[in-house]
Amino acid sequence: MIEFEVKAPVPPERVDALRAMLGPPRRVEEHEDAYYAHPCRDFAATDEALRLSRRGGRADLTYKGPRLDARTKARREIVLPVADERAAQALVEALGFRPSLVVRKRRSLHEAQGFEVALDEVPPLGHFVEVERQLPEGSDRAAAEREAMALLASWGLVHTERRSYLEMLLEARQ
């Protein structure tokens, strides 16, 4: 599957208005995403990621492949539910992966026009909205992009952010 996603920063003065437009969330989750560095290749150079995520009482091991285009965050994604989080962490580290950075966020989940919409608060970066849809490989990503951009524009959000939270936090540390 392809994770199709467009992300936009939400200016502080627009957060409450966006919450009102989205209505009550389906659920609110606290996320903790532990990212790992590959032992033999530079994930920053190959535009890949491996993370162990904790959210809502469950854990997942996720591989994210390189982005597929220059405007969105569409990429191949493989998600493995993890029954034993500590064993998964031990396995990843035994294979030579090293902890890189932990990203924490508070996520309110909504739906709009066939998209999952996440309103994220990511300290210290601020608020972002992610408009996401799972697409079968080979799907028309251009149509999904047009729909996502129109949805963001309807909320007054015209600037998108292609960098991941991990990338932004790493850049902020430098």
Protein backbone atom coordinates (compact mmCIF):
# COMPACT_ATOMS: atom_id res chain seq x y z
CA MET A 1 0.00 0.00 0.00
CA ILE A 2 0.96 3.62 -0.49
CA GLU A 3 0.45 6.04 2.36
CA PHE A 4 -0.69 9.23 0.65
CA GLU A 5 -0.35 12.23 2.93
CA VAL A 6 -0.29 16.00 2.69
CA LYS A 7 0.68 17.94 5.80
CA ALA A 8 0.20 21.63 6.53
CA PRO A 9 1.32 23.77 9.45
CA VAL A 10 -1.55 25.36 11.35
CA PRO A 11 -0.78 28.88 12.58
CA PRO A 12 -1.52 29.27 16.32
CA GLU A 13 -4.33 31.74 15.62
CA ARG A 14 -6.08 29.18 13.31
CA VAL A 15 -6.01 26.12 15.63
CA ASP A 16 -9.33 26.78 17.38
CA ALA A 17 -11.10 27.63 14.10
CA LEU A 18 -9.81 24.42 12.50
CA ARG A 19 -10.97 22.37 15.51
CA ALA A 20 -14.43 23.92 15.14
CA MET A 21 -14.54 23.09 11.41
CA LEU A 22 -13.45 19.49 12.01
CA GLY A 23 -15.94 18.92 14.82
CA PRO A 24 -15.48 16.40 17.63
CA PRO A 25 -12.64 13.94 17.04
CA ARG A 26 -13.24 10.19 16.61
CA ARG A 27 -10.49 9.76 19.18
CA VAL A 28 -7.49 11.49 20.68
CA GLU A 29 -4.18 9.65 21.07
CA GLU A 30 -0.80 10.29 22.58
CA HIS A 31 1.92 9.05 20.19
CA GLU A 32 5.52 8.20 20.93
CA ASP A 33 7.49 7.28 17.81
CA ALA A 34 11.02 5.97 18.40
CA TYR A 35 13.07 6.24 15.18
CA TYR A 36 16.12 4.10 14.42
CA ALA A 37 19.26 4.65 12.34
CA HIS A 38 20.26 1.83 9.97
CA PRO A 39 23.64 0.21 10.71
CA CYS A 40 24.88 0.37 7.09
CA ARG A 41 23.06 3.14 5.25
CA ASP A 42 22.03 6.70 5.92
CA PHE A 43 18.22 6.84 6.08
CA ALA A 44 18.37 10.62 5.69
CA ALA A 45 20.11 10.12 2.32
CA THR A 46 17.83 7.27 1.17
CA ASP A 47 14.67 9.01 2.50
CA GLU A 48 13.59 5.97 4.51
CA ALA A 49 12.56 5.48 8.13
CA LEU A 50 12.15 2.69 10.67
CA ARG A 51 10.17 3.41 13.80
CA LEU A 52 8.62 1.68 16.78
CA SER A 53 5.38 3.50 17.59
CA ARG A 54 3.39 3.47 20.80
CA ARG A 55 -0.16 4.80 20.70
CA GLY A 56 -3.47 4.07 22.28
CA GLY A 57 -2.22 1.00 24.15
CA ARG A 58 -0.75 -0.66 21.05
CA ALA A 59 2.62 -0.76 19.33
CA ASP A 60 3.63 -1.01 15.65
CA LEU A 61 6.94 -1.43 13.85
CA THR A 62 6.81 0.67 10.68
CA TYR A 63 9.07 0.92 7.63
CA LYS A 64 8.58 4.00 5.43
CA GLY A 65 10.12 3.94 1.97
CA PRO A 66 11.35 6.93 -0.02
CA ARG A 67 8.80 9.59 -0.98
CA LEU A 68 7.37 9.02 -4.43
CA ASP A 69 6.96 12.61 -5.62
CA ALA A 70 8.21 16.11 -4.94
CA ARG A 71 5.04 17.65 -3.44
CA THR A 72 3.43 15.12 -1.11
CA LYS A 73 4.57 12.57 1.41
CA ALA A 74 3.27 9.59 -0.59
CA ARG A 75 5.46 6.58 0.15
CA ARG A 76 5.39 2.83 0.51
CA GLU A 77 4.61 1.90 4.09
CA ILE A 78 4.82 -1.47 5.83
CA VAL A 79 3.24 -1.65 9.28
CA LEU A 80 3.69 -4.64 11.56
CA PRO A 81 1.57 -4.78 14.73
CA VAL A 82 3.76 -5.70 17.69
CA ALA A 83 2.47 -7.83 20.57
CA ASP A 84 5.62 -7.44 22.68
CA GLU A 85 7.08 -3.96 22.38
CA ARG A 86 10.22 -4.71 24.40
CA ALA A 87 11.00 -7.79 22.31
CA ALA A 88 10.56 -5.75 19.10
CA GLN A 89 12.93 -3.08 20.42
CA ALA A 90 15.48 -5.75 21.42
CA LEU A 91 15.23 -7.38 17.96
CA VAL A 92 15.74 -4.10 16.11
CA GLU A 93 18.74 -3.18 18.27
CA ALA A 94 20.21 -6.72 18.01
CA LEU A 95 20.17 -6.28 14.22
CA GLY A 96 22.36 -3.20 14.62
CA PHE A 97 19.78 -0.41 14.38
CA ARG A 98 20.54 2.45 16.78
CA PRO A 99 17.98 4.70 18.48
CA SER A 100 17.91 8.06 16.71
CA LEU A 101 15.17 10.30 18.11
CA VAL A 102 11.75 10.04 19.75
CA VAL A 103 8.89 12.13 18.37
CA ARG A 104 5.98 12.78 20.73
CA LYS A 105 2.66 14.18 19.58
CA ARG A 106 -0.95 14.53 20.64
CA ARG A 107 -3.19 13.54 17.74
CA SER A 108 -6.91 14.22 17.28
CA LEU A 109 -8.35 11.98 14.56
CA HIS A 110 -11.18 13.10 12.27
CA GLU A 111 -12.60 12.20 8.86
CA ALA A 112 -13.40 14.52 5.97
CA GLN A 113 -14.20 13.86 2.32
CA GLY A 114 -12.78 10.32 2.33
CA PHE A 115 -9.58 11.29 4.12
CA GLU A 116 -8.37 10.56 7.61
CA VAL A 117 -7.55 13.95 9.08
CA ALA A 118 -5.14 14.24 11.99
CA LEU A 119 -4.70 17.44 13.94
CA ASP A 120 -1.31 17.07 15.61
CA GLU A 121 0.34 19.01 18.38
CA VAL A 122 4.09 18.32 18.22
CA PRO A 123 6.17 20.03 20.91
CA PRO A 124 8.12 22.19 20.24
CA LEU A 125 7.14 22.45 16.55
CA GLY A 126 3.51 23.49 16.99
CA HIS A 127 0.29 22.32 15.31
CA PHE A 128 -0.07 20.54 11.97
CA VAL A 129 -2.90 18.93 10.07
CA GLU A 130 -2.29 15.75 8.06
CA VAL A 131 -4.73 14.69 5.35
CA GLU A 132 -4.13 11.02 4.62
CA ARG A 133 -5.51 8.13 2.59
CA GLN A 134 -4.22 4.63 1.88
CA LEU A 135 -3.89 3.98 -1.87
CA PRO A 136 -3.27 0.71 -3.69
CA GLU A 137 0.09 0.65 -5.47
CA GLY A 138 -0.23 2.16 -8.95
CA SER A 139 -3.16 4.43 -7.97
CA ASP A 140 -3.65 7.93 -9.35
CA ARG A 141 -1.89 9.99 -6.69
CA ALA A 142 -2.49 13.20 -8.66
CA ALA A 143 -6.25 12.96 -8.10
CA ALA A 144 -5.74 12.35 -4.37
CA GLU A 145 -3.37 15.32 -4.24
CA ARG A 146 -5.90 17.65 -5.91
CA GLU A 147 -8.60 16.55 -3.44
CA ALA A 148 -6.32 16.94 -0.43
CA MET A 149 -5.10 20.38 -1.51
CA ALA A 150 -8.69 21.54 -2.10
CA LEU A 151 -9.66 20.33 1.38
CA LEU A 152 -6.73 22.17 2.99
CA ALA A 153 -7.59 25.33 1.01
CA SER A 154 -11.20 25.13 2.26
CA TRP A 155 -9.76 25.43 5.78
CA GLY A 156 -7.60 28.42 4.78
CA LEU A 157 -4.37 26.38 4.74
CA VAL A 158 -2.37 26.86 1.56
CA HIS A 159 1.20 26.14 2.66
CA THR A 160 2.21 22.49 2.92
CA GLU A 161 5.10 20.86 4.73
CA ARG A 162 6.83 17.90 3.11
CA ARG A 163 9.36 17.24 5.87
CA SER A 164 8.55 14.65 8.50
CA TYR A 165 8.34 15.60 12.16
CA LEU A 166 11.60 13.69 12.62
CA GLU A 167 13.32 15.83 9.97
CA MET A 168 12.01 19.05 11.47
CA LEU A 169 13.10 18.08 14.99
CA LEU A 170 16.55 17.04 13.79
CA GLU A 171 16.93 20.36 11.94
CA ALA A 172 15.79 22.28 15.03
CA ARG A 173 18.51 20.57 17.12
CA GLN A 174 21.27 21.83 14.81
